[in-house]
Amino acid sequence: MVTTTATQSILTSLGAGSGVDTASLVASLVQAQFAAKNASLTKQEDALTAQISSVAKVQSGITSFAAGLKTLVTGGTLVTQPTSSNTSVLTATALPGAKLSGLAASVEVTRLATAQVATSATSFSSRDATVGTGNLTLTLGTATVDSGALTGFTAGTAKPVTIAIDSAHQTLSGIASAINAASAGVTASIVTDANGTARLTLKGATGTNQAFTLSSDTPALSALNVASARARPRSAARLVMPS
């Protein structure tokens, strides 16, 4: 409509019948005048469309991020987690659904865990004294300790280890070597006093179900049995809550 009106105005100014195709000329001039503006407007429209599309993508990303953040805060890795000032002594983890925000507590360690140590009640004249032959059975499990004494024992799920003591290992030192060769979870050594009297000492590993008993199937080896041996206490800790 604007182009037609402008063309008619120019035609009136030029006058009809001059022999010049003024209608075509004027139409071309008007189209050329508005083509640049139309192109500019179209370019601006395309730019605005692209910007609107980008904003929509950003909005979608923010919505997804907010949803993920909410999940992490309410029950994921961003939920308040307990921490330990000394992870070599104690580690702490939160149970699912636990509300720990604002909670403060301390753990007081009164004893550190040590391995069970047992020494034979019977002493021998020397480390090379003959003890006897037969089989020793080593069983790992959980112990009940009272004032350092092993008062109860519950065998673990691991199969007991049978250690054969033949004539080549029937001395006290030979028995220690046979026990160590079995790699059954304890370490055997010979302890001697100033007079040369020797005893067999067994030391277990630290950790759950690492207490042990040692039994024999012959009277000669029964002097080495470990049933109610002395055992060092396990670790003990006390939880201290703020008043």
C-alpha atoms as a PDB file:
ATOM      1  CA  MET A   1       0.000   0.000   0.000  1.00  0.00           C
ATOM      2  CA  VAL A   2       2.843   2.405   0.884  1.00  0.00           C
ATOM      3  CA  THR A   3       4.721   1.475  -2.301  1.00  0.00           C
ATOM      4  CA  THR A   4       1.625   2.071  -4.491  1.00  0.00           C
ATOM      5  CA  THR A   5       0.909   5.479  -2.933  1.00  0.00           C
ATOM      6  CA  ALA A   6       4.521   6.604  -3.359  1.00  0.00           C
ATOM      7  CA  THR A   7       4.477   5.468  -7.013  1.00  0.00           C
ATOM      8  CA  GLN A   8       1.300   7.393  -7.772  1.00  0.00           C
ATOM      9  CA  SER A   9       2.756  10.530  -6.150  1.00  0.00           C
ATOM     10  CA  ILE A  10       5.892  10.393  -8.255  1.00  0.00           C
ATOM     11  CA  LEU A  11       3.891   9.726 -11.427  1.00  0.00           C
ATOM     12  CA  THR A  12       1.758  12.799 -10.768  1.00  0.00           C
ATOM     13  CA  SER A  13       4.918  14.910 -10.283  1.00  0.00           C
ATOM     14  CA  LEU A  14       6.541  13.652 -13.472  1.00  0.00           C
ATOM     15  CA  GLY A  15       3.350  13.774 -15.500  1.00  0.00           C
ATOM     16  CA  ALA A  16       1.981  11.034 -17.681  1.00  0.00           C
ATOM     17  CA  GLY A  17       2.614  10.767 -21.432  1.00  0.00           C
ATOM     18  CA  SER A  18       6.195  12.011 -21.380  1.00  0.00           C
ATOM     19  CA  GLY A  19       7.328   8.920 -23.273  1.00  0.00           C
ATOM     20  CA  VAL A  20       9.235   7.583 -20.261  1.00  0.00           C
ATOM     21  CA  ASP A  21       8.058   4.406 -18.576  1.00  0.00           C
ATOM     22  CA  THR A  22       7.735   6.316 -15.402  1.00  0.00           C
ATOM     23  CA  ALA A  23       5.577   3.681 -13.701  1.00  0.00           C
ATOM     24  CA  SER A  24       8.269   1.030 -14.004  1.00  0.00           C
ATOM     25  CA  LEU A  25      10.995   3.488 -13.108  1.00  0.00           C
ATOM     26  CA  VAL A  26       9.242   4.771 -10.027  1.00  0.00           C
ATOM     27  CA  ALA A  27       8.318   1.257  -8.878  1.00  0.00           C
ATOM     28  CA  SER A  28      11.972   0.220  -9.122  1.00  0.00           C
ATOM     29  CA  LEU A  29      13.111   3.292  -7.191  1.00  0.00           C
ATOM     30  CA  VAL A  30      10.577   2.731  -4.417  1.00  0.00           C
ATOM     31  CA  GLN A  31      11.437  -0.982  -4.140  1.00  0.00           C
ATOM     32  CA  ALA A  32      15.140  -0.177  -3.952  1.00  0.00           C
ATOM     33  CA  GLN A  33      14.469   2.372  -1.214  1.00  0.00           C
ATOM     34  CA  PHE A  34      12.550  -0.071   0.968  1.00  0.00           C
ATOM     35  CA  ALA A  35      14.622  -3.224   0.190  1.00  0.00           C
ATOM     36  CA  ALA A  36      17.511  -2.172   2.448  1.00  0.00           C
ATOM     37  CA  LYS A  37      15.123  -1.349   5.312  1.00  0.00           C
ATOM     38  CA  ASN A  38      13.299  -4.656   4.851  1.00  0.00           C
ATOM     39  CA  ALA A  39      16.591  -6.551   4.853  1.00  0.00           C
ATOM     40  CA  SER A  40      17.706  -4.720   8.012  1.00  0.00           C
ATOM     41  CA  LEU A  41      14.420  -5.480   9.763  1.00  0.00           C
ATOM     42  CA  THR A  42      14.582  -9.120   8.695  1.00  0.00           C
ATOM     43  CA  LYS A  43      18.143  -9.379  10.055  1.00  0.00           C
ATOM     44  CA  GLN A  44      17.080  -7.841  13.358  1.00  0.00           C
ATOM     45  CA  GLU A  45      14.141 -10.233  13.535  1.00  0.00           C
ATOM     46  CA  ASP A  46      16.447 -13.213  12.976  1.00  0.00           C
ATOM     47  CA  ALA A  47      18.823 -11.946  15.668  1.00  0.00           C
ATOM     48  CA  LEU A  48      15.975 -11.498  18.149  1.00  0.00           C
ATOM     49  CA  THR A  49      14.687 -14.994  17.363  1.00  0.00           C
ATOM     50  CA  ALA A  50      18.151 -16.458  18.001  1.00  0.00           C
ATOM     51  CA  GLN A  51      18.447 -14.540  21.280  1.00  0.00           C
ATOM     52  CA  ILE A  52      15.037 -15.741  22.429  1.00  0.00           C
ATOM     53  CA  SER A  53      16.061 -19.320  21.589  1.00  0.00           C
ATOM     54  CA  SER A  54      19.319 -18.924  23.564  1.00  0.00           C
ATOM     55  CA  VAL A  55      17.445 -17.501  26.552  1.00  0.00           C
ATOM     56  CA  ALA A  56      15.085 -20.467  26.446  1.00  0.00           C
ATOM     57  CA  LYS A  57      18.030 -22.870  26.469  1.00  0.00           C
ATOM     58  CA  VAL A  58      19.609 -21.037  29.408  1.00  0.00           C
ATOM     59  CA  GLN A  59      16.314 -21.120  31.290  1.00  0.00           C
ATOM     60  CA  SER A  60      15.996 -24.856  30.648  1.00  0.00           C
ATOM     61  CA  GLY A  61      19.559 -25.402  31.860  1.00  0.00           C
ATOM     62  CA  ILE A  62      18.929 -23.395  35.047  1.00  0.00           C
ATOM     63  CA  THR A  63      15.765 -25.396  35.711  1.00  0.00           C
ATOM     64  CA  SER A  64      17.634 -28.690  35.306  1.00  0.00           C
ATOM     65  CA  PHE A  65      20.501 -27.454  37.497  1.00  0.00           C
ATOM     66  CA  ALA A  66      18.093 -26.340  40.211  1.00  0.00           C
ATOM     67  CA  ALA A  67      16.373 -29.735  40.180  1.00  0.00           C
ATOM     68  CA  GLY A  68      19.686 -31.579  40.399  1.00  0.00           C
ATOM     69  CA  LEU A  69      20.933 -29.287  43.163  1.00  0.00           C
ATOM     70  CA  LYS A  70      17.754 -29.873  45.148  1.00  0.00           C
ATOM     71  CA  THR A  71      18.269 -33.636  44.884  1.00  0.00           C
ATOM     72  CA  LEU A  72      21.876 -33.378  46.084  1.00  0.00           C
ATOM     73  CA  VAL A  73      20.981 -31.088  48.986  1.00  0.00           C
ATOM     74  CA  THR A  74      18.042 -33.165  50.210  1.00  0.00           C
ATOM     75  CA  GLY A  75      19.638 -36.588  49.985  1.00  0.00           C
ATOM     76  CA  GLY A  76      22.762 -36.620  47.858  1.00  0.00           C
ATOM     77  CA  THR A  77      26.414 -35.741  48.255  1.00  0.00           C
ATOM     78  CA  LEU A  78      25.728 -32.135  49.306  1.00  0.00           C
ATOM     79  CA  VAL A  79      23.762 -33.173  52.371  1.00  0.00           C
ATOM     80  CA  THR A  80      25.627 -32.429  55.605  1.00  0.00           C
ATOM     81  CA  GLN A  81      28.271 -35.105  56.159  1.00  0.00           C
ATOM     82  CA  PRO A  82      30.115 -35.951  59.388  1.00  0.00           C
ATOM     83  CA  THR A  83      33.853 -35.350  59.367  1.00  0.00           C
ATOM     84  CA  SER A  84      36.720 -36.680  61.432  1.00  0.00           C
ATOM     85  CA  SER A  85      39.657 -34.556  62.518  1.00  0.00           C
ATOM     86  CA  ASN A  86      41.878 -37.652  62.515  1.00  0.00           C
ATOM     87  CA  THR A  87      40.823 -40.232  59.912  1.00  0.00           C
ATOM     88  CA  SER A  88      43.690 -42.536  60.883  1.00  0.00           C
ATOM     89  CA  VAL A  89      41.885 -43.140  64.190  1.00  0.00           C
ATOM     90  CA  LEU A  90      38.213 -42.722  63.293  1.00  0.00           C
ATOM     91  CA  THR A  91      36.058 -42.292  60.200  1.00  0.00           C
ATOM     92  CA  ALA A  92      32.382 -41.315  60.189  1.00  0.00           C
ATOM     93  CA  THR A  93      29.576 -41.677  57.660  1.00  0.00           C
ATOM     94  CA  ALA A  94      25.942 -40.581  57.780  1.00  0.00           C
ATOM     95  CA  LEU A  95      23.078 -43.033  57.587  1.00  0.00           C
ATOM     96  CA  PRO A  96      20.535 -42.429  54.791  1.00  0.00           C
ATOM     97  CA  GLY A  97      18.002 -39.818  55.883  1.00  0.00           C
ATOM     98  CA  ALA A  98      20.047 -38.670  58.884  1.00  0.00           C
ATOM     99  CA  LYS A  99      19.671 -34.975  59.782  1.00  0.00           C
ATOM    100  CA  LEU A 100      23.138 -33.840  60.848  1.00  0.00           C
ATOM    101  CA  SER A 101      22.908 -30.108  60.318  1.00  0.00           C
ATOM    102  CA  GLY A 102      23.938 -28.321  63.514  1.00  0.00           C
ATOM    103  CA  LEU A 103      25.055 -31.553  65.226  1.00  0.00           C
ATOM    104  CA  ALA A 104      28.409 -31.426  66.994  1.00  0.00           C
ATOM    105  CA  ALA A 105      30.009 -34.345  68.819  1.00  0.00           C
ATOM    106  CA  SER A 106      33.420 -35.706  69.705  1.00  0.00           C
ATOM    107  CA  VAL A 107      34.754 -39.208  70.143  1.00  0.00           C
ATOM    108  CA  GLU A 108      37.240 -39.899  72.896  1.00  0.00           C
ATOM    109  CA  VAL A 109      39.541 -42.865  72.227  1.00  0.00           C
ATOM    110  CA  THR A 110      40.572 -44.434  75.527  1.00  0.00           C
ATOM    111  CA  ARG A 111      42.488 -47.430  74.149  1.00  0.00           C
ATOM    112  CA  LEU A 112      44.032 -48.270  70.804  1.00  0.00           C
ATOM    113  CA  ALA A 113      43.508 -51.664  69.209  1.00  0.00           C
ATOM    114  CA  THR A 114      46.376 -54.111  69.488  1.00  0.00           C
ATOM    115  CA  ALA A 115      46.772 -57.647  68.265  1.00  0.00           C
ATOM    116  CA  GLN A 116      46.195 -60.665  70.507  1.00  0.00           C
ATOM    117  CA  VAL A 117      49.421 -62.001  71.973  1.00  0.00           C
ATOM    118  CA  ALA A 118      49.620 -65.432  73.622  1.00  0.00           C
ATOM    119  CA  THR A 119      52.606 -67.027  75.318  1.00  0.00           C
ATOM    120  CA  SER A 120      52.771 -70.697  76.233  1.00  0.00           C
ATOM    121  CA  ALA A 121      52.230 -71.364  79.925  1.00  0.00           C
ATOM    122  CA  THR A 122      54.808 -74.137  79.780  1.00  0.00           C
ATOM    123  CA  SER A 123      58.448 -73.175  79.524  1.00  0.00           C
ATOM    124  CA  PHE A 124      61.157 -75.263  77.881  1.00  0.00           C
ATOM    125  CA  SER A 125      64.837 -75.630  78.642  1.00  0.00           C
ATOM    126  CA  SER A 126      65.854 -74.007  75.343  1.00  0.00           C
ATOM    127  CA  ARG A 127      64.545 -73.075  71.925  1.00  0.00           C
ATOM    128  CA  ASP A 128      65.882 -76.408  70.647  1.00  0.00           C
ATOM    129  CA  ALA A 129      64.080 -78.510  73.254  1.00  0.00           C
ATOM    130  CA  THR A 130      61.974 -81.334  71.847  1.00  0.00           C
ATOM    131  CA  VAL A 131      58.235 -80.837  72.320  1.00  0.00           C
ATOM    132  CA  GLY A 132      56.669 -83.620  70.253  1.00  0.00           C
ATOM    133  CA  THR A 133      54.806 -84.364  67.044  1.00  0.00           C
ATOM    134  CA  GLY A 134      51.180 -84.199  65.985  1.00  0.00           C
ATOM    135  CA  ASN A 135      48.818 -81.577  64.583  1.00  0.00           C
ATOM    136  CA  LEU A 136      48.079 -78.053  65.740  1.00  0.00           C
ATOM    137  CA  THR A 137      44.788 -76.420  64.757  1.00  0.00           C
ATOM    138  CA  LEU A 138      44.601 -72.631  64.516  1.00  0.00           C
ATOM    139  CA  THR A 139      41.137 -71.049  64.564  1.00  0.00           C
ATOM    140  CA  LEU A 140      40.388 -67.355  63.965  1.00  0.00           C
ATOM    141  CA  GLY A 141      37.328 -65.617  65.376  1.00  0.00           C
ATOM    142  CA  THR A 142      36.025 -63.052  67.861  1.00  0.00           C
ATOM    143  CA  ALA A 143      37.148 -62.948  71.478  1.00  0.00           C
ATOM    144  CA  THR A 144      35.559 -61.682  74.663  1.00  0.00           C
ATOM    145  CA  VAL A 145      38.136 -59.954  76.850  1.00  0.00           C
ATOM    146  CA  ASP A 146      37.893 -59.159  80.529  1.00  0.00           C
ATOM    147  CA  SER A 147      40.746 -57.261  82.199  1.00  0.00           C
ATOM    148  CA  GLY A 148      43.113 -58.399  79.469  1.00  0.00           C
ATOM    149  CA  ALA A 149      42.144 -62.080  79.719  1.00  0.00           C
ATOM    150  CA  LEU A 150      40.458 -63.981  76.895  1.00  0.00           C
ATOM    151  CA  THR A 151      37.278 -65.221  78.600  1.00  0.00           C
ATOM    152  CA  GLY A 152      35.253 -66.232  75.554  1.00  0.00           C
ATOM    153  CA  PHE A 153      35.803 -67.112  71.915  1.00  0.00           C
ATOM    154  CA  THR A 154      33.497 -67.439  68.902  1.00  0.00           C
ATOM    155  CA  ALA A 155      34.976 -69.049  65.815  1.00  0.00           C
ATOM    156  CA  GLY A 156      34.743 -67.059  62.592  1.00  0.00           C
ATOM    157  CA  THR A 157      33.637 -68.217  59.174  1.00  0.00           C
ATOM    158  CA  ALA A 158      37.180 -68.999  58.004  1.00  0.00           C
ATOM    159  CA  LYS A 159      38.101 -72.669  57.992  1.00  0.00           C
ATOM    160  CA  PRO A 160      40.498 -73.644  60.821  1.00  0.00           C
ATOM    161  CA  VAL A 161      44.062 -74.291  59.672  1.00  0.00           C
ATOM    162  CA  THR A 162      45.754 -77.559  60.554  1.00  0.00           C
ATOM    163  CA  ILE A 163      49.522 -77.377  60.981  1.00  0.00           C
ATOM    164  CA  ALA A 164      51.360 -80.702  60.858  1.00  0.00           C
ATOM    165  CA  ILE A 165      54.307 -81.029  63.253  1.00  0.00           C
ATOM    166  CA  ASP A 166      56.544 -83.864  62.079  1.00  0.00           C
ATOM    167  CA  SER A 167      59.829 -85.127  63.475  1.00  0.00           C
ATOM    168  CA  ALA A 168      61.738 -82.486  61.516  1.00  0.00           C
ATOM    169  CA  HIS A 169      59.834 -79.716  63.332  1.00  0.00           C
ATOM    170  CA  GLN A 170      59.239 -81.183  66.781  1.00  0.00           C
ATOM    171  CA  THR A 171      61.537 -78.754  68.589  1.00  0.00           C
ATOM    172  CA  LEU A 172      60.194 -75.462  69.928  1.00  0.00           C
ATOM    173  CA  SER A 173      61.930 -73.471  67.185  1.00  0.00           C
ATOM    174  CA  GLY A 174      60.821 -76.016  64.568  1.00  0.00           C
ATOM    175  CA  ILE A 175      57.198 -75.637  65.683  1.00  0.00           C
ATOM    176  CA  ALA A 176      57.503 -71.855  65.390  1.00  0.00           C
ATOM    177  CA  SER A 177      58.854 -72.251  61.861  1.00  0.00           C
ATOM    178  CA  ALA A 178      56.008 -74.593  60.893  1.00  0.00           C
ATOM    179  CA  ILE A 179      53.387 -72.167  62.205  1.00  0.00           C
ATOM    180  CA  ASN A 180      54.927 -69.256  60.282  1.00  0.00           C
ATOM    181  CA  ALA A 181      55.191 -71.342  57.113  1.00  0.00           C
ATOM    182  CA  ALA A 182      51.454 -72.013  57.275  1.00  0.00           C
ATOM    183  CA  SER A 183      50.693 -68.265  56.893  1.00  0.00           C
ATOM    184  CA  ALA A 184      47.546 -68.831  58.915  1.00  0.00           C
ATOM    185  CA  GLY A 185      47.156 -65.330  60.351  1.00  0.00           C
ATOM    186  CA  VAL A 186      49.499 -65.488  63.345  1.00  0.00           C
ATOM    187  CA  THR A 187      53.231 -65.006  63.783  1.00  0.00           C
ATOM    188  CA  ALA A 188      55.203 -67.369  66.010  1.00  0.00           C
ATOM    189  CA  SER A 189      58.434 -66.493  67.802  1.00  0.00           C
ATOM    190  CA  ILE A 190      60.557 -67.838  70.637  1.00  0.00           C
ATOM    191  CA  VAL A 191      61.078 -65.760  73.778  1.00  0.00           C
ATOM    192  CA  THR A 192      63.935 -66.661  76.114  1.00  0.00           C
ATOM    193  CA  ASP A 193      64.821 -65.277  79.536  1.00  0.00           C
ATOM    194  CA  ALA A 194      68.202 -64.663  81.104  1.00  0.00           C
ATOM    195  CA  ASN A 195      68.480 -68.312  82.086  1.00  0.00           C
ATOM    196  CA  GLY A 196      67.815 -69.510  78.557  1.00  0.00           C
ATOM    197  CA  THR A 197      64.347 -70.803  79.376  1.00  0.00           C
ATOM    198  CA  ALA A 198      62.207 -70.582  76.231  1.00  0.00           C
ATOM    199  CA  ARG A 199      58.498 -70.104  75.524  1.00  0.00           C
ATOM    200  CA  LEU A 200      56.479 -70.006  72.326  1.00  0.00           C
ATOM    201  CA  THR A 201      54.773 -66.661  71.660  1.00  0.00           C
ATOM    202  CA  LEU A 202      52.017 -66.157  69.101  1.00  0.00           C
ATOM    203  CA  LYS A 203      50.830 -62.780  67.810  1.00  0.00           C
ATOM    204  CA  GLY A 204      47.719 -62.282  65.694  1.00  0.00           C
ATOM    205  CA  ALA A 205      46.692 -59.482  63.368  1.00  0.00           C
ATOM    206  CA  THR A 206      44.555 -56.469  64.279  1.00  0.00           C
ATOM    207  CA  GLY A 207      41.044 -56.170  62.967  1.00  0.00           C
ATOM    208  CA  THR A 208      37.679 -57.896  63.086  1.00  0.00           C
ATOM    209  CA  ASN A 209      37.671 -61.657  63.725  1.00  0.00           C
ATOM    210  CA  GLN A 210      41.427 -61.819  64.242  1.00  0.00           C
ATOM    211  CA  ALA A 211      41.440 -63.340  67.725  1.00  0.00           C
ATOM    212  CA  PHE A 212      42.689 -66.934  67.732  1.00  0.00           C
ATOM    213  CA  THR A 213      42.894 -70.222  69.580  1.00  0.00           C
ATOM    214  CA  LEU A 214      45.441 -73.010  69.132  1.00  0.00           C
ATOM    215  CA  SER A 215      44.680 -76.635  69.946  1.00  0.00           C
ATOM    216  CA  SER A 216      46.549 -79.910  69.530  1.00  0.00           C
ATOM    217  CA  ASP A 217      45.657 -83.551  68.991  1.00  0.00           C
ATOM    218  CA  THR A 218      48.495 -85.046  71.070  1.00  0.00           C
ATOM    219  CA  PRO A 219      49.392 -84.703  74.764  1.00  0.00           C
ATOM    220  CA  ALA A 220      52.936 -83.598  73.900  1.00  0.00           C
ATOM    221  CA  LEU A 221      51.738 -80.546  71.937  1.00  0.00           C
ATOM    222  CA  SER A 222      48.977 -79.652  74.410  1.00  0.00           C
ATOM    223  CA  ALA A 223      51.499 -77.524  76.304  1.00  0.00           C
ATOM    224  CA  LEU A 224      51.186 -75.036  73.442  1.00  0.00           C
ATOM    225  CA  ASN A 225      47.375 -74.811  73.467  1.00  0.00           C
ATOM    226  CA  VAL A 226      45.907 -71.298  73.441  1.00  0.00           C
ATOM    227  CA  ALA A 227      42.432 -71.202  74.944  1.00  0.00           C
ATOM    228  CA  SER A 228      42.383 -68.725  77.823  1.00  0.00           C
ATOM    229  CA  ALA A 229      45.621 -66.933  76.998  1.00  0.00           C
ATOM    230  CA  ARG A 230      46.350 -63.362  77.879  1.00  0.00           C
ATOM    231  CA  ALA A 231      45.189 -60.925  75.230  1.00  0.00           C
ATOM    232  CA  ARG A 232      45.704 -57.226  74.927  1.00  0.00           C
ATOM    233  CA  PRO A 233      42.457 -55.237  74.916  1.00  0.00           C
ATOM    234  CA  ARG A 234      40.749 -54.008  71.799  1.00  0.00           C
ATOM    235  CA  SER A 235      40.172 -50.340  71.151  1.00  0.00           C
ATOM    236  CA  ALA A 236      37.534 -48.526  73.167  1.00  0.00           C
ATOM    237  CA  ALA A 237      35.873 -45.250  72.310  1.00  0.00           C
ATOM    238  CA  ARG A 238      33.331 -43.065  74.061  1.00  0.00           C
ATOM    239  CA  LEU A 239      30.970 -40.686  72.251  1.00  0.00           C
ATOM    240  CA  VAL A 240      30.831 -37.278  73.917  1.00  0.00           C
ATOM    241  CA  MET A 241      27.817 -35.081  73.068  1.00  0.00           C
ATOM    242  CA  PRO A 242      27.816 -31.342  73.742  1.00  0.00           C
ATOM    243  CA  SER A 243      25.854 -30.263  76.785  1.00  0.00           C
END
